Each structure stands twice: as C-alpha cells, then as structure tokens.
Amino acid sequence: MKARWPRTILPGLLLGFTVSSLGFADYNELHRMLLFRDFRLLLAFAFAVGLCVPLFAVLRSRLNLGSVRFRPGTIPGAVLFGMGWALTGACPGVAIIQIGQGLWPAWASFGGILTGVWLHDRFVKRPPASTGGC
C-alpha cells in the first residue's frame, strides 16, 4: 500500500500559511472578529461560506448524494464548538497551526480537542453510517 501522507504535506502547509497570514491563528484577531470590532476575518468567513455552499451543492447533486438530514446533536455541538473557539481562540486546525508557530497555550486547546473527541466517542452512540447528513 502506497503512503498517502506525502500528498497532504504541501496542501497542509499551504493551508497553514494562508490561515496564519489571514490572522485566523491570532487569538486577539479572532476576539476582535467575535466581538464585531474588526470585520476583516468575518468577511473572509463570509466569502468562504459563499463560495463553498454552492460548490458543495453542485457536488452533492452531481454525485447523487440526496438531501442532508440534520441530527439532534448538530446545534448543541455547534454551540459547544463555538464556545470553545471563542474561549481558546482556536478551532482544531488553528490549534495545530498555533502549535507550529510555537504558541505553547495551543497545547491546552489541542488537549481539550482530544478530550472532547474522546468523550464523544465514549458516550455518544453513532447512527448507522448510511444516514448521511451532519
């Protein structure tokens, strides 16, 4: 079996550089966005969502994947994700970027992410894989 990880290094580095250059890995920059004091990152998010939503809709229709069904835990999970992001200044990808930047507090964020994933896997029953959706 051929190793797949080499194909992910360049895109991962490019993503990390882009996210860091935009300021998404800066705790203070993120808080200014979340407090509506600086709209630059918010506009970047809006652009990304505005680009991705129609692209994913086209892919979904071309691949005949059907409609998306939301599970009951989607909204509470999104709220917890947002609260963690607001408190730590890092989503999972950004925490890894911050670790790469040498920001030691990011290890606490990363530990929280791993703990949350472990708790979810330990206590939440997964629906069958064929249900699709969020």
Protein backbone atom coordinates (compact mmCIF):
# COMPACT_ATOMS: atom_id res chain seq x y z
CA MET A 1 0.00 0.00 0.00
CA LYS A 2 1.39 3.38 -1.02
CA ALA A 3 1.72 6.06 1.66
CA ARG A 4 -0.82 8.85 1.27
CA TRP A 5 0.65 11.37 3.70
CA PRO A 6 3.13 12.94 1.24
CA ARG A 7 0.19 14.25 -0.83
CA THR A 8 -1.14 16.09 2.23
CA ILE A 9 2.04 17.89 3.25
CA LEU A 10 2.03 20.63 0.60
CA PRO A 11 -1.71 21.43 0.84
CA GLY A 12 -1.45 21.34 4.65
CA LEU A 13 1.48 23.74 4.66
CA LEU A 14 -0.30 25.99 2.17
CA LEU A 15 -3.45 25.99 4.32
CA GLY A 16 -1.44 26.69 7.48
CA PHE A 17 0.41 29.56 5.81
CA THR A 18 -2.82 31.04 4.45
CA VAL A 19 -4.71 30.74 7.74
CA SER A 20 -1.79 32.24 9.63
CA SER A 21 -1.35 35.07 7.09
CA LEU A 22 -5.03 35.99 7.30
CA GLY A 23 -4.78 36.26 11.08
CA PHE A 24 -7.05 33.32 11.88
CA ALA A 25 -4.37 31.89 14.19
CA ASP A 26 -4.08 35.12 16.22
CA TYR A 27 -6.08 34.98 19.46
CA ASN A 28 -6.59 38.76 19.63
CA GLU A 29 -7.59 39.00 15.98
CA LEU A 30 -10.23 36.29 16.45
CA HIS A 31 -11.65 38.00 19.52
CA ARG A 32 -11.92 41.31 17.66
CA MET A 33 -13.93 39.44 15.00
CA LEU A 34 -16.17 37.67 17.52
CA LEU A 35 -16.86 40.98 19.29
CA PHE A 36 -17.65 42.66 15.93
CA ARG A 37 -14.80 45.14 16.37
CA ASP A 38 -12.99 44.04 13.19
CA PHE A 39 -14.90 42.76 10.19
CA ARG A 40 -11.92 41.61 8.10
CA LEU A 41 -11.98 37.99 9.29
CA LEU A 42 -15.77 37.96 9.30
CA LEU A 43 -15.74 38.99 5.63
CA ALA A 44 -13.19 36.26 4.89
CA PHE A 45 -15.54 33.74 6.54
CA ALA A 46 -18.50 35.09 4.58
CA PHE A 47 -16.55 34.79 1.34
CA ALA A 48 -15.52 31.20 2.16
CA VAL A 49 -19.09 30.19 3.04
CA GLY A 50 -20.46 31.98 -0.02
CA LEU A 51 -18.02 30.05 -2.18
CA CYS A 52 -18.32 26.64 -0.51
CA VAL A 53 -22.10 26.35 -0.11
CA PRO A 54 -22.87 26.43 -3.85
CA LEU A 55 -19.84 24.27 -4.68
CA PHE A 56 -20.90 21.59 -2.20
CA ALA A 57 -24.49 21.79 -3.50
CA VAL A 58 -23.24 21.17 -7.04
CA LEU A 59 -21.04 18.28 -5.89
CA ARG A 60 -23.91 16.77 -3.89
CA SER A 61 -26.24 16.89 -6.89
CA ARG A 62 -23.64 15.57 -9.34
CA LEU A 63 -22.76 12.68 -7.05
CA ASN A 64 -26.46 11.96 -6.39
CA LEU A 65 -26.00 12.01 -2.62
CA GLY A 66 -29.54 13.09 -1.81
CA SER A 67 -30.65 15.58 0.80
CA VAL A 68 -28.87 16.36 4.05
CA ARG A 69 -30.59 15.38 7.29
CA PHE A 70 -29.54 17.09 10.49
CA ARG A 71 -29.16 15.09 13.65
CA PRO A 72 -30.41 16.36 17.03
CA GLY A 73 -26.86 16.91 18.31
CA THR A 74 -25.81 19.23 15.47
CA ILE A 75 -26.96 22.50 17.06
CA PRO A 76 -25.68 21.79 20.61
CA GLY A 77 -22.41 20.55 19.11
CA ALA A 78 -22.07 23.72 17.05
CA VAL A 79 -22.71 25.84 20.16
CA LEU A 80 -20.04 23.93 22.13
CA PHE A 81 -17.62 24.23 19.21
CA GLY A 82 -18.23 28.00 19.01
CA MET A 83 -17.83 28.46 22.76
CA GLY A 84 -14.56 26.55 22.76
CA TRP A 85 -13.36 28.53 19.77
CA ALA A 86 -14.26 31.84 21.43
CA LEU A 87 -12.57 30.88 24.72
CA THR A 88 -9.36 29.44 23.27
CA GLY A 89 -9.09 31.38 20.02
CA ALA A 90 -8.60 28.14 18.12
CA CYS A 91 -10.61 25.61 16.18
CA PRO A 92 -8.92 22.21 15.64
CA GLY A 93 -6.99 23.26 12.53
CA VAL A 94 -5.89 26.56 14.04
CA ALA A 95 -4.71 24.84 17.23
CA ILE A 96 -2.30 22.77 15.13
CA ILE A 97 -1.16 25.91 13.29
CA GLN A 98 -0.60 27.68 16.62
CA ILE A 99 1.46 24.72 17.86
CA GLY A 100 3.51 25.01 14.67
CA GLN A 101 4.00 28.71 15.42
CA GLY A 102 5.41 27.76 18.82
CA LEU A 103 2.49 29.08 20.86
CA TRP A 104 2.52 26.89 23.97
CA PRO A 105 -1.05 27.70 25.14
CA ALA A 106 -2.26 25.98 21.96
CA TRP A 107 -1.30 22.66 23.57
CA ALA A 108 -4.09 23.24 26.11
CA SER A 109 -6.54 23.84 23.24
CA PHE A 110 -5.31 20.70 21.49
CA GLY A 111 -5.66 18.70 24.72
CA GLY A 112 -9.25 19.97 25.05
CA ILE A 113 -9.97 18.96 21.45
CA LEU A 114 -8.62 15.45 22.05
CA THR A 115 -10.59 15.18 25.30
CA GLY A 116 -13.79 16.29 23.57
CA VAL A 117 -13.31 13.76 20.76
CA TRP A 118 -12.62 11.01 23.29
CA LEU A 119 -15.71 11.92 25.37
CA HIS A 120 -17.89 12.00 22.26
CA ASP A 121 -16.64 8.61 21.09
CA ARG A 122 -17.06 7.18 24.59
CA PHE A 123 -20.58 8.41 25.34
CA VAL A 124 -22.40 9.17 22.09
CA LYS A 125 -23.90 6.33 20.11
CA ARG A 126 -23.27 6.71 16.42
CA PRO A 127 -26.10 6.28 13.95
CA PRO A 128 -25.57 3.95 11.02
CA ALA A 129 -23.03 5.33 8.52
CA SER A 130 -25.55 5.28 5.68
CA THR A 131 -27.80 8.03 7.14
CA GLY A 132 -25.76 10.92 5.70
CA GLY A 133 -26.04 14.49 6.87
CA CYS A 134 -24.39 16.35 9.70
